[in-house]
Amino acid sequence: MKKEIHPENYRMVIFHDNSSNERILIGSTIETEKTDKWTDGNEYPLAEVDVTSASHPFYTGQEKVMDTAGRVDRFKQRAAKARKK
């Protein structure tokens, strides 16, 4: 890797996929407050995300509804109202 081309806060970070419980260790500049231990015994910053390649339908080939904020239910309610009109 070339020296002095990455920002100063570039370091290894654990990304935890909340929907599949997969964890990925990769270099990043993301700001995090949590830390966790990786399989090598070292502690790294932890970033929790809702979707990664471990859970995204494009990579898994499985369609899956990930509704973390109730958006799908609200959309279905609006669609039902529109059909009645």
C-alpha atoms as a PDB file:
ATOM      1  CA  MET A   1       0.000   0.000   0.000  1.00  0.00           C
ATOM      2  CA  LYS A   2       1.277   3.482  -0.826  1.00  0.00           C
ATOM      3  CA  LYS A   3       2.279   5.597   2.141  1.00  0.00           C
ATOM      4  CA  GLU A   4       0.708   8.938   3.040  1.00  0.00           C
ATOM      5  CA  ILE A   5      -2.349   8.660   0.751  1.00  0.00           C
ATOM      6  CA  HIS A   6      -4.900   7.662   3.395  1.00  0.00           C
ATOM      7  CA  PRO A   7      -6.450  10.010   5.979  1.00  0.00           C
ATOM      8  CA  GLU A   8      -4.979   9.902   9.471  1.00  0.00           C
ATOM      9  CA  ASN A   9      -8.059   8.203  10.934  1.00  0.00           C
ATOM     10  CA  TYR A  10      -7.869   5.275   8.444  1.00  0.00           C
ATOM     11  CA  ARG A  11      -7.805   2.065  10.488  1.00  0.00           C
ATOM     12  CA  MET A  12      -9.294  -1.421  10.618  1.00  0.00           C
ATOM     13  CA  VAL A  13     -12.985  -1.423  11.644  1.00  0.00           C
ATOM     14  CA  ILE A  14     -15.430  -4.257  12.373  1.00  0.00           C
ATOM     15  CA  PHE A  15     -18.704  -3.837  10.452  1.00  0.00           C
ATOM     16  CA  HIS A  16     -21.544  -5.781  12.086  1.00  0.00           C
ATOM     17  CA  ASP A  17     -24.516  -6.555   9.814  1.00  0.00           C
ATOM     18  CA  ASN A  18     -27.589  -6.335  12.086  1.00  0.00           C
ATOM     19  CA  SER A  19     -29.820  -8.330   9.730  1.00  0.00           C
ATOM     20  CA  SER A  20     -27.530 -11.340   9.198  1.00  0.00           C
ATOM     21  CA  ASN A  21     -25.210 -11.111  12.236  1.00  0.00           C
ATOM     22  CA  GLU A  22     -22.192 -11.334   9.925  1.00  0.00           C
ATOM     23  CA  ARG A  23     -19.070  -9.379  10.822  1.00  0.00           C
ATOM     24  CA  ILE A  24     -16.474  -7.980   8.420  1.00  0.00           C
ATOM     25  CA  LEU A  25     -13.075  -6.501   9.314  1.00  0.00           C
ATOM     26  CA  ILE A  26     -12.003  -3.891   6.773  1.00  0.00           C
ATOM     27  CA  GLY A  27     -10.121  -0.594   6.614  1.00  0.00           C
ATOM     28  CA  SER A  28     -12.290   2.501   7.022  1.00  0.00           C
ATOM     29  CA  THR A  29     -12.437   6.100   8.231  1.00  0.00           C
ATOM     30  CA  ILE A  30     -15.957   5.793   9.719  1.00  0.00           C
ATOM     31  CA  GLU A  31     -16.404   7.432  13.126  1.00  0.00           C
ATOM     32  CA  THR A  32     -17.500   4.968  15.817  1.00  0.00           C
ATOM     33  CA  GLU A  33     -17.947   4.993  19.563  1.00  0.00           C
ATOM     34  CA  LYS A  34     -18.169   1.235  20.197  1.00  0.00           C
ATOM     35  CA  THR A  35     -15.360  -1.306  20.114  1.00  0.00           C
ATOM     36  CA  ASP A  36     -15.322  -5.103  20.012  1.00  0.00           C
ATOM     37  CA  LYS A  37     -12.844  -7.970  19.833  1.00  0.00           C
ATOM     38  CA  TRP A  38     -12.116  -9.692  16.534  1.00  0.00           C
ATOM     39  CA  THR A  39     -11.148 -13.353  16.109  1.00  0.00           C
ATOM     40  CA  ASP A  40      -7.447 -12.454  16.329  1.00  0.00           C
ATOM     41  CA  GLY A  41      -7.980 -11.237  19.915  1.00  0.00           C
ATOM     42  CA  ASN A  42      -7.405  -7.562  19.100  1.00  0.00           C
ATOM     43  CA  GLU A  43      -9.977  -4.865  19.828  1.00  0.00           C
ATOM     44  CA  TYR A  44     -11.224  -2.738  16.918  1.00  0.00           C
ATOM     45  CA  PRO A  45     -13.806   0.033  16.450  1.00  0.00           C
ATOM     46  CA  LEU A  46     -17.293  -1.374  15.762  1.00  0.00           C
ATOM     47  CA  ALA A  47     -19.788   0.018  13.244  1.00  0.00           C
ATOM     48  CA  GLU A  48     -23.287  -1.477  13.134  1.00  0.00           C
ATOM     49  CA  VAL A  49     -25.018  -1.408   9.733  1.00  0.00           C
ATOM     50  CA  ASP A  50     -28.340  -2.754   8.428  1.00  0.00           C
ATOM     51  CA  VAL A  51     -27.160  -4.095   5.064  1.00  0.00           C
ATOM     52  CA  THR A  52     -23.889  -5.568   3.781  1.00  0.00           C
ATOM     53  CA  SER A  53     -23.060  -8.002   1.011  1.00  0.00           C
ATOM     54  CA  ALA A  54     -23.901 -10.767   3.511  1.00  0.00           C
ATOM     55  CA  SER A  55     -27.576  -9.712   3.588  1.00  0.00           C
ATOM     56  CA  HIS A  56     -28.240  -7.722   0.395  1.00  0.00           C
ATOM     57  CA  PRO A  57     -30.560  -9.564  -2.036  1.00  0.00           C
ATOM     58  CA  PHE A  58     -28.266  -8.828  -5.001  1.00  0.00           C
ATOM     59  CA  TYR A  59     -25.457 -10.864  -3.417  1.00  0.00           C
ATOM     60  CA  THR A  60     -27.513 -13.510  -1.595  1.00  0.00           C
ATOM     61  CA  GLY A  61     -30.045 -14.174  -4.367  1.00  0.00           C
ATOM     62  CA  GLN A  62     -32.825 -14.215  -1.782  1.00  0.00           C
ATOM     63  CA  GLU A  63     -35.516 -11.567  -1.648  1.00  0.00           C
ATOM     64  CA  LYS A  64     -35.917 -10.229   1.856  1.00  0.00           C
ATOM     65  CA  VAL A  65     -37.894  -7.338   3.316  1.00  0.00           C
ATOM     66  CA  MET A  66     -35.800  -5.320   5.775  1.00  0.00           C
ATOM     67  CA  ASP A  67     -38.166  -2.897   7.434  1.00  0.00           C
ATOM     68  CA  THR A  68     -36.361  -1.229  10.303  1.00  0.00           C
ATOM     69  CA  ALA A  69     -38.529   1.880  10.507  1.00  0.00           C
ATOM     70  CA  GLY A  70     -42.028   0.660   9.558  1.00  0.00           C
ATOM     71  CA  ARG A  71     -41.759   2.103   6.047  1.00  0.00           C
ATOM     72  CA  VAL A  72     -43.257  -0.936   4.334  1.00  0.00           C
ATOM     73  CA  ASP A  73     -46.370  -0.879   6.537  1.00  0.00           C
ATOM     74  CA  ARG A  74     -46.905   2.835   5.928  1.00  0.00           C
ATOM     75  CA  PHE A  75     -46.532   2.308   2.176  1.00  0.00           C
ATOM     76  CA  LYS A  76     -49.058  -0.554   2.197  1.00  0.00           C
ATOM     77  CA  GLN A  77     -51.549   1.611   4.114  1.00  0.00           C
ATOM     78  CA  ARG A  78     -51.188   4.463   1.593  1.00  0.00           C
ATOM     79  CA  ALA A  79     -51.543   2.027  -1.317  1.00  0.00           C
ATOM     80  CA  ALA A  80     -54.716   0.547   0.199  1.00  0.00           C
ATOM     81  CA  LYS A  81     -56.225   4.036   0.599  1.00  0.00           C
ATOM     82  CA  ALA A  82     -55.365   4.890  -3.009  1.00  0.00           C
ATOM     83  CA  ARG A  83     -57.085   1.714  -4.284  1.00  0.00           C
ATOM     84  CA  LYS A  84     -60.291   2.639  -2.433  1.00  0.00           C
ATOM     85  CA  LYS A  85     -60.517   6.032  -4.184  1.00  0.00           C
END
